[in-house]
């Protein structure tokens, strides 16, 4: 009878333990904008939209990538990022408070070819249950590309080399001094006499006007030119990402909107603000108009990594 009770207790614990894991339901989902085709030696910003409901406990996002692909941290929403063994992870002790949020990761592709597969999942704790949101495998084709090192070398070789003309030093015509030789006929036993040496000054000194001028480049104050040592930061709100150039009709009522193409992906950007706080205020205003987005930083017209 005692053995029967032990077996029954073990069976009950096993059922409770295995029941702590389940697939998510109720409309929660994850989406990543990984294109169907990617060129070798290219870099892309992956945007992942996580719809996880009101849960705000411990959670983890996981992205499995094929060989020759490296993942770097982007916008992590205070998550703890790591990448090892071809697996990128973001872990939150407390998940973002919103029902839906967007994160980004920087994907660098090496010498990769052929058909490959990406997989991603989002895990979270709901009460005492560990749940998972998955989106199935994403099939991608790697196409030929140009190595980044070669491209950088060709760019450096194409840059013009600045030359500086050396300044010529004015020359003075040399004149042999004339000495009065009669004063040297005094016997050696007498006290030496002073010798008057006359050195005529030649008038053939080169005029200072003939010195070649040194070319000096003065920074211009023109508004169209930005010195390379000055960083101009712009904060914008990204509200869309498409594989083809989208119609702008639906964005006509939200103010300044620009379209930027990055690695074959067309991105819709709203506004241009000098501070992140102003951009966040614009993002909240766009949400009331039905446009979800997040803040991105551009430095001298180039998106910050």
Protein backbone atom coordinates (compact mmCIF):
# COMPACT_ATOMS: atom_id res chain seq x y z
CA UNK A 1 0.00 0.00 0.00
CA UNK A 2 2.89 2.37 0.77
CA UNK A 3 4.51 1.69 -2.61
CA UNK A 4 1.22 2.41 -4.41
CA UNK A 5 0.97 5.82 -2.64
CA UNK A 6 4.54 6.76 -3.66
CA UNK A 7 3.87 5.90 -7.32
CA UNK A 8 0.63 7.91 -7.29
CA UNK A 9 2.36 10.95 -5.72
CA UNK A 10 5.18 10.84 -8.31
CA UNK A 11 2.64 10.63 -11.15
CA UNK A 12 0.75 13.66 -9.78
CA UNK A 13 3.96 15.77 -9.51
CA UNK A 14 4.98 14.85 -13.06
CA UNK A 15 1.58 15.98 -14.41
CA UNK A 16 1.79 19.31 -12.55
CA UNK A 17 5.38 19.93 -13.71
CA UNK A 18 4.67 19.25 -17.38
CA UNK A 19 1.49 21.34 -17.26
CA UNK A 20 3.54 24.50 -16.44
CA UNK A 21 4.31 24.98 -20.15
CA UNK A 22 1.72 25.84 -22.81
CA UNK A 23 1.36 27.60 -26.17
CA UNK A 24 0.04 31.16 -26.01
CA UNK A 25 -3.41 32.10 -27.27
CA UNK A 26 -5.78 35.05 -27.20
CA UNK A 27 -4.39 37.04 -30.14
CA UNK A 28 -0.81 37.47 -28.88
CA UNK A 29 1.80 37.38 -31.65
CA UNK A 30 5.34 38.31 -32.76
CA UNK A 31 6.43 39.70 -36.15
CA UNK A 32 9.94 40.33 -37.56
CA UNK A 33 10.56 42.24 -40.81
CA UNK A 34 13.25 39.88 -42.16
CA UNK A 35 13.16 40.08 -46.01
CA UNK A 36 12.81 36.96 -48.17
CA UNK A 37 16.18 37.72 -49.82
CA UNK A 38 19.36 39.05 -48.19
CA UNK A 39 22.67 39.90 -49.84
CA UNK A 40 25.92 38.51 -48.47
CA UNK A 41 28.17 41.04 -46.64
CA UNK A 42 25.17 43.33 -45.93
CA UNK A 43 23.87 44.84 -42.68
CA UNK A 44 20.20 45.17 -41.74
CA UNK A 45 18.13 46.50 -38.84
CA UNK A 46 15.52 43.92 -37.82
CA UNK A 47 12.33 45.27 -36.25
CA UNK A 48 10.41 42.86 -34.01
CA UNK A 49 6.86 43.74 -32.89
CA UNK A 50 5.77 41.80 -29.78
CA UNK A 51 2.06 41.71 -28.87
CA UNK A 52 1.99 40.03 -25.46
CA UNK A 53 -1.05 41.53 -23.75
CA UNK A 54 -1.05 43.11 -20.31
CA UNK A 55 1.45 40.64 -18.81
CA UNK A 56 4.46 42.44 -17.26
CA UNK A 57 6.35 39.63 -15.49
CA UNK A 58 9.58 37.85 -16.53
CA UNK A 59 9.91 37.27 -20.31
CA UNK A 60 12.45 36.37 -23.00
CA UNK A 61 12.72 36.88 -26.78
CA UNK A 62 14.90 34.41 -28.72
CA UNK A 63 16.06 34.56 -32.36
CA UNK A 64 17.92 31.60 -33.94
CA UNK A 65 20.01 32.52 -37.01
CA UNK A 66 22.04 30.39 -39.50
CA UNK A 67 25.87 30.30 -39.69
CA UNK A 68 27.75 33.38 -41.01
CA UNK A 69 25.12 35.69 -39.46
CA UNK A 70 25.96 37.90 -36.46
CA UNK A 71 23.42 39.78 -34.31
CA UNK A 72 24.20 43.00 -32.37
CA UNK A 73 22.02 44.88 -29.88
CA UNK A 74 19.63 47.56 -31.15
CA UNK A 75 16.67 48.99 -29.23
CA UNK A 76 16.24 46.53 -26.35
CA UNK A 77 13.61 48.25 -24.14
CA UNK A 78 15.82 47.73 -21.03
CA UNK A 79 16.24 44.02 -21.79
CA UNK A 80 19.50 42.11 -21.18
CA UNK A 81 20.98 41.25 -24.64
CA UNK A 82 23.27 38.32 -25.48
CA UNK A 83 24.40 36.47 -28.63
CA UNK A 84 26.14 33.11 -28.66
CA UNK A 85 25.96 29.84 -30.60
CA UNK A 86 23.90 31.55 -33.35
CA UNK A 87 21.19 32.53 -30.87
CA UNK A 88 20.28 36.11 -29.91
CA UNK A 89 18.38 36.68 -26.67
CA UNK A 90 16.72 39.59 -24.86
CA UNK A 91 15.66 38.89 -21.26
CA UNK A 92 13.42 41.12 -19.13
CA UNK A 93 13.02 40.68 -15.38
CA UNK A 94 9.93 42.86 -15.79
CA UNK A 95 8.43 43.05 -19.28
CA UNK A 96 7.58 46.43 -20.84
CA UNK A 97 4.26 47.67 -19.44
CA UNK A 98 2.54 48.18 -22.80
CA UNK A 99 0.47 45.40 -24.40
CA UNK A 100 2.56 45.81 -27.58
CA UNK A 101 6.14 47.01 -28.01
CA UNK A 102 8.86 47.05 -30.68
CA UNK A 103 12.53 46.07 -30.35
CA UNK A 104 15.34 46.07 -32.93
CA UNK A 105 18.48 44.04 -33.58
CA UNK A 106 21.37 44.70 -35.98
CA UNK A 107 22.02 41.77 -38.33
CA UNK A 108 25.39 41.47 -40.12
CA UNK A 109 25.69 38.86 -42.88
CA UNK A 110 29.02 37.34 -43.85
CA UNK A 111 29.90 35.02 -46.75
CA UNK A 112 26.52 33.26 -46.88
CA UNK A 113 24.72 31.59 -49.81
CA UNK A 114 21.67 29.42 -50.43
CA UNK A 115 18.37 28.84 -48.66
CA UNK A 116 18.36 29.21 -44.85
CA UNK A 117 15.85 29.40 -42.02
CA UNK A 118 15.34 31.87 -39.14
CA UNK A 119 13.21 31.02 -36.09
CA UNK A 120 12.04 33.22 -33.22
CA UNK A 121 9.97 32.84 -30.04
CA UNK A 122 8.77 34.92 -27.10
CA UNK A 123 8.43 33.28 -23.67
CA UNK A 124 6.67 34.79 -20.65
CA UNK A 125 5.23 33.83 -17.27
CA UNK A 126 1.45 34.07 -16.84
CA UNK A 127 0.67 33.34 -13.21
CA UNK A 128 2.34 29.97 -12.58
CA UNK A 129 2.38 29.00 -16.27
CA UNK A 130 5.23 29.47 -18.73
CA UNK A 131 3.80 30.41 -22.13
CA UNK A 132 5.29 30.78 -25.59
CA UNK A 133 4.46 32.89 -28.66
CA UNK A 134 5.99 31.64 -31.92
CA UNK A 135 5.70 32.68 -35.56
CA UNK A 136 6.99 29.56 -37.32
CA UNK A 137 10.21 29.35 -39.38
CA UNK A 138 11.11 32.19 -41.78
CA UNK A 139 12.72 30.98 -45.03
CA UNK A 140 15.34 33.35 -46.50
CA UNK A 141 17.57 33.16 -49.60
CA UNK A 142 21.10 34.57 -49.40
CA UNK A 143 22.22 36.21 -52.65
CA UNK A 144 25.80 37.20 -53.73
CA UNK A 145 27.20 40.45 -52.31
CA UNK A 146 30.39 42.52 -52.14
CA UNK A 147 32.74 42.14 -49.12
CA UNK A 148 32.66 45.25 -46.92
CA UNK A 149 36.48 45.40 -46.62
CA UNK A 150 36.87 45.65 -50.40
CA UNK A 151 34.22 48.36 -50.63
CA UNK A 152 35.94 50.41 -47.91
CA UNK A 153 39.35 50.08 -49.62
CA UNK A 154 37.93 51.23 -52.97
CA UNK A 155 36.29 54.21 -51.28
CA UNK A 156 39.56 55.26 -49.59
CA UNK A 157 41.49 55.01 -52.88
CA UNK A 158 38.94 57.23 -54.60
CA UNK A 159 39.36 60.08 -52.12
CA UNK A 160 41.52 63.00 -53.40
CA UNK A 161 44.78 63.64 -51.60
CA UNK A 162 45.35 67.20 -50.37
CA UNK A 163 48.78 68.67 -51.12
CA UNK A 164 50.46 71.63 -49.39
CA UNK A 165 52.88 73.86 -51.32
CA UNK A 166 56.04 74.50 -49.27
CA UNK A 167 56.96 78.14 -48.58
CA UNK A 168 60.09 79.35 -50.33
CA UNK A 169 62.62 81.17 -48.11
CA UNK A 170 63.85 84.52 -49.54
CA UNK A 171 67.51 84.38 -50.59
CA UNK A 172 70.12 87.10 -50.08
CA UNK A 173 72.79 87.55 -52.73
CA UNK A 174 76.19 86.69 -51.25
CA UNK A 175 78.91 89.36 -51.57
CA UNK A 176 82.62 88.78 -50.95
CA UNK A 177 83.88 91.32 -48.37
CA UNK A 178 86.80 93.61 -49.42
CA UNK A 179 89.75 93.84 -47.05
CA UNK A 180 92.36 96.66 -46.96
CA UNK A 181 95.52 94.60 -47.62
CA UNK A 182 97.90 97.50 -46.77
CA UNK A 183 96.93 97.23 -43.15
CA UNK A 184 98.35 93.70 -43.12
CA UNK A 185 101.95 94.83 -43.88
CA UNK A 186 102.65 95.64 -40.21
CA UNK A 187 105.48 93.46 -38.72
CA UNK A 188 104.32 90.61 -36.59
CA UNK A 189 106.12 92.02 -33.52
CA UNK A 190 103.86 95.01 -33.36
CA UNK A 191 100.45 95.05 -31.77
CA UNK A 192 97.90 94.00 -34.29
CA UNK A 193 96.02 96.83 -35.82
CA UNK A 194 92.32 96.93 -36.29
CA UNK A 195 91.27 95.90 -39.76
CA UNK A 196 88.38 97.72 -41.35
CA UNK A 197 86.25 95.31 -43.32
CA UNK A 198 83.60 96.75 -45.55
CA UNK A 199 80.70 94.48 -46.46
CA UNK A 200 78.50 96.18 -48.99
CA UNK A 201 74.83 95.34 -48.73
CA UNK A 202 73.36 94.07 -51.92
CA UNK A 203 70.03 95.44 -53.09
CA UNK A 204 69.13 92.16 -54.73
CA UNK A 205 67.21 90.81 -51.73
CA UNK A 206 64.09 89.09 -53.02
CA UNK A 207 60.97 91.13 -52.46
CA UNK A 208 58.62 89.77 -49.88
CA UNK A 209 55.88 89.98 -52.48
CA UNK A 210 57.52 87.18 -54.46
CA UNK A 211 57.05 84.59 -51.68
CA UNK A 212 54.48 82.07 -52.92
CA UNK A 213 51.27 82.21 -50.93
CA UNK A 214 50.34 79.15 -48.92
CA UNK A 215 46.94 77.73 -49.78
CA UNK A 216 44.80 77.88 -46.64
CA UNK A 217 41.37 76.27 -46.49
CA UNK A 218 38.98 78.39 -44.42
CA UNK A 219 35.87 76.66 -43.07
CA UNK A 220 32.81 78.06 -44.76
CA UNK A 221 29.81 79.36 -42.86
CA UNK A 222 27.41 78.33 -45.60
CA UNK A 223 24.28 76.64 -44.27
CA UNK A 224 24.65 73.91 -46.91
CA UNK A 225 27.99 72.68 -45.53
CA UNK A 226 28.50 70.85 -42.23
CA UNK A 227 32.08 70.45 -40.89
CA UNK A 228 32.88 66.77 -40.40
CA UNK A 229 33.73 67.40 -36.72
CA UNK A 230 30.17 68.57 -35.93
CA UNK A 231 27.38 66.03 -35.34
CA UNK A 232 23.83 66.99 -36.23
CA UNK A 233 21.38 64.73 -34.39
CA UNK A 234 17.78 64.29 -35.48
CA UNK A 235 15.20 62.22 -33.65
CA UNK A 236 12.38 60.86 -35.80
CA UNK A 237 9.44 58.52 -35.30
CA UNK A 238 9.42 55.41 -37.52
CA UNK A 239 5.80 54.38 -38.18
CA UNK A 240 6.14 51.92 -41.05
CA UNK A 241 8.45 49.51 -42.87
CA UNK A 242 7.68 48.04 -46.31
CA UNK A 243 9.33 45.87 -48.96
CA UNK A 244 8.03 48.21 -51.72
CA UNK A 245 7.54 51.99 -51.78
CA UNK A 246 4.19 52.62 -50.03
CA UNK A 247 1.40 55.06 -50.85
CA UNK A 248 1.64 58.24 -48.78
CA UNK A 249 -2.10 58.98 -48.80
CA UNK A 250 -2.72 57.53 -45.32
CA UNK A 251 0.02 59.75 -43.81
CA UNK A 252 -1.18 63.09 -45.25
CA UNK A 253 -2.65 64.34 -41.97
CA UNK A 254 0.28 63.81 -39.58
CA UNK A 255 2.66 66.59 -40.61
CA UNK A 256 6.18 66.17 -42.02
CA UNK A 257 6.74 62.64 -43.37
CA UNK A 258 9.80 61.25 -45.18
CA UNK A 259 10.51 57.91 -46.86
CA UNK A 260 14.00 56.40 -46.45
CA UNK A 261 15.21 53.29 -48.30
CA UNK A 262 17.68 51.15 -46.34
CA UNK A 263 18.90 47.85 -47.83
CA UNK A 264 15.79 47.48 -49.99
CA UNK A 265 13.36 48.29 -47.15
CA UNK A 266 11.28 51.48 -47.34
CA UNK A 267 10.79 53.16 -43.94
CA UNK A 268 8.23 55.86 -43.11
CA UNK A 269 9.62 58.55 -40.78
CA UNK A 270 7.51 61.26 -39.13
CA UNK A 271 8.89 64.59 -37.92
CA UNK A 272 12.43 65.76 -37.16
CA UNK A 273 13.30 66.80 -33.58
CA UNK A 274 16.51 67.94 -31.86
CA UNK A 275 15.70 66.04 -28.64
CA UNK A 276 14.45 62.54 -27.90
CA UNK A 277 11.78 63.93 -25.56
CA UNK A 278 10.15 65.89 -28.37
CA UNK A 279 10.19 62.80 -30.59
CA UNK A 280 8.55 60.69 -27.86
CA UNK A 281 5.83 63.34 -27.50
CA UNK A 282 5.20 63.10 -31.26
CA UNK A 283 5.11 59.29 -31.05
CA UNK A 284 2.41 59.44 -28.35
CA UNK A 285 0.42 61.91 -30.48
CA UNK A 286 0.62 59.56 -33.49
CA UNK A 287 -0.70 56.65 -31.39
CA UNK A 288 -3.92 58.60 -30.83
CA UNK A 289 -4.24 58.80 -34.64
CA UNK A 290 -3.80 55.02 -35.06
CA UNK A 291 -0.08 55.00 -36.03
CA UNK A 292 2.20 52.74 -33.95
CA UNK A 293 5.91 53.64 -34.03
CA UNK A 294 9.17 54.09 -32.19
CA UNK A 295 11.93 56.72 -31.97
CA UNK A 296 15.08 56.44 -34.14
CA UNK A 297 18.22 58.60 -34.16
CA UNK A 298 19.91 59.99 -37.28
CA UNK A 299 23.39 61.58 -37.09
CA UNK A 300 24.37 63.77 -40.08
CA UNK A 301 21.60 62.12 -42.09
CA UNK A 302 22.68 58.53 -41.31
CA UNK A 303 20.72 56.22 -38.99
CA UNK A 304 22.63 55.55 -35.78
CA UNK A 305 23.51 51.93 -35.07
